[in-house]
Amino acid sequence: MNCVRGEWRIRKEDAEVFIGGRLEAYKAEAMDVVKAFVDGKDSEVDGKLQVCTVLDCYVGNEEALRISEVIMRHMNQDDPTRGRAKFQYYFDNKEKKGRYILWGNPAFVGKVLAAVGEAVR
């Protein structure tokens, strides 16, 4: 994903990952980034309070895309509580699981998780 004029957009490579291409490489990269956060290295978020959360959603492709849209909508909003935040995701078709990894301050990440919870019932 990348940010163009303040709006997050999905690149072709991200879409390929989402639908299954390069899945193993992306899983490994995601785990490396989470481990770096846990180890206190290379944080791409700032502030006194920082959080990294992993959200696993055992859903089909359509629902996984809807969850991604909810997250992207929050990432694109002009929200002063957001601060520096980012997310990564991939979809494992075999497991029927979307994995979303979010970084940011606790208030913003909590708001995003609540929105996902409301969207998926």
Foldseek 3Di string as FASTA:
>chain_A
DDADPLADDDDPVQVCQQVPPPVVVVVVVVVVVVVCVVVVHDDQFDDPAKDKDKDKDQAASVLLVVLVVLLRVLSSDPDPQFGDKDKGWHADRVRSIIIMMIMTGPVSVVVSVVSSVVVPD
